[in-house]
Protein backbone atom coordinates (compact mmCIF):
# COMPACT_ATOMS: atom_id res chain seq x y z
CA UNK A 1 0.00 0.00 0.00
CA UNK A 2 1.32 3.42 -0.85
CA UNK A 3 -0.24 5.92 1.56
CA UNK A 4 1.48 9.24 2.13
CA UNK A 5 1.04 12.31 4.32
CA UNK A 6 -1.86 14.52 3.13
CA UNK A 7 -3.62 11.59 1.42
CA UNK A 8 -7.35 11.15 2.02
CA UNK A 9 -8.52 7.62 2.72
CA UNK A 10 -11.86 6.07 3.63
CA UNK A 11 -11.84 3.45 6.36
CA UNK A 12 -14.30 0.64 7.06
CA UNK A 13 -16.20 2.95 9.42
CA UNK A 14 -17.26 4.91 6.32
CA UNK A 15 -15.44 8.08 7.38
CA UNK A 16 -12.80 9.91 5.37
CA UNK A 17 -9.48 10.56 7.09
CA UNK A 18 -6.45 12.66 6.25
CA UNK A 19 -3.01 11.19 6.85
CA UNK A 20 -1.38 13.75 9.15
CA UNK A 21 1.80 11.82 9.81
CA UNK A 22 3.46 8.55 8.80
CA UNK A 23 6.36 6.78 10.51
CA UNK A 24 8.07 3.42 10.35
CA UNK A 25 8.36 1.83 13.78
CA UNK A 26 9.51 -1.73 14.45
CA UNK A 27 9.40 -2.44 10.70
CA UNK A 28 5.72 -1.42 10.36
CA UNK A 29 4.19 1.64 8.73
CA UNK A 30 2.10 3.59 11.24
CA UNK A 31 -0.28 6.40 10.35
CA UNK A 32 -1.74 9.24 12.39
CA UNK A 33 -5.17 9.92 10.90
CA UNK A 34 -7.54 12.84 11.43
CA UNK A 35 -11.18 12.63 10.38
CA UNK A 36 -11.52 14.87 7.33
CA UNK A 37 -14.96 16.37 7.98
CA UNK A 38 -15.11 17.03 11.69
CA UNK A 39 -11.46 16.75 12.81
CA UNK A 40 -12.91 15.26 16.01
CA UNK A 41 -11.77 11.69 15.47
CA UNK A 42 -8.11 10.70 15.57
CA UNK A 43 -6.69 7.27 14.87
CA UNK A 44 -3.35 5.55 14.96
CA UNK A 45 -3.27 2.69 12.47
CA UNK A 46 -0.72 0.35 10.96
CA UNK A 47 -0.55 -1.61 7.74
CA UNK A 48 -1.30 -5.26 8.26
CA UNK A 49 1.69 -7.09 6.81
CA UNK A 50 1.21 -8.34 3.28
CA UNK A 51 -2.19 -6.67 2.83
CA UNK A 52 -3.76 -3.35 1.91
CA UNK A 53 -5.57 -3.24 5.25
CA UNK A 54 -5.14 -0.58 7.93
CA UNK A 55 -5.66 -1.81 11.49
CA UNK A 56 -6.31 0.35 14.56
CA UNK A 57 -3.28 0.26 16.83
CA UNK A 58 -4.51 -0.68 20.29
CA UNK A 59 -1.13 -1.29 21.93
CA UNK A 60 -0.84 1.50 24.49
CA UNK A 61 2.95 1.20 24.80
CA UNK A 62 3.51 1.39 21.05
CA UNK A 63 1.07 4.30 20.69
CA UNK A 64 2.90 6.16 23.47
CA UNK A 65 6.20 5.61 21.67
CA UNK A 66 4.70 6.77 18.36
CA UNK A 67 3.34 10.14 19.56
CA UNK A 68 6.72 11.92 19.66
CA UNK A 69 7.65 10.41 16.28
CA UNK A 70 4.43 11.68 14.73
CA UNK A 71 4.98 15.09 16.35
CA UNK A 72 8.45 15.32 14.83
CA UNK A 73 6.94 14.74 11.39
CA UNK A 74 4.36 17.47 12.02
CA UNK A 75 6.86 20.18 13.08
CA UNK A 76 7.24 21.71 9.59
CA UNK A 77 3.48 22.38 9.51
CA UNK A 78 3.24 23.95 12.96
CA UNK A 79 4.19 27.48 11.86
CA UNK A 80 2.25 27.54 8.60
CA UNK A 81 -0.57 30.00 8.08
CA UNK A 82 -3.64 28.47 6.50
């Protein structure tokens, strides 16, 4: 699967999400997703190996480790005026 930052994707819940950040951690691609319409729903997902399926990351320790990595990727956008 080739998903990049700023891409819009639709998940099984029927909602559209924007990829805010993408990192590789422990040989898996992880994505920080923001719901496109309301911006009220956030998700951390990973690519299930060998498939085109994104899975919600429910491992609290991994998610905690990912937050600073996602934040580092977002730094260039923090001072932008929209």
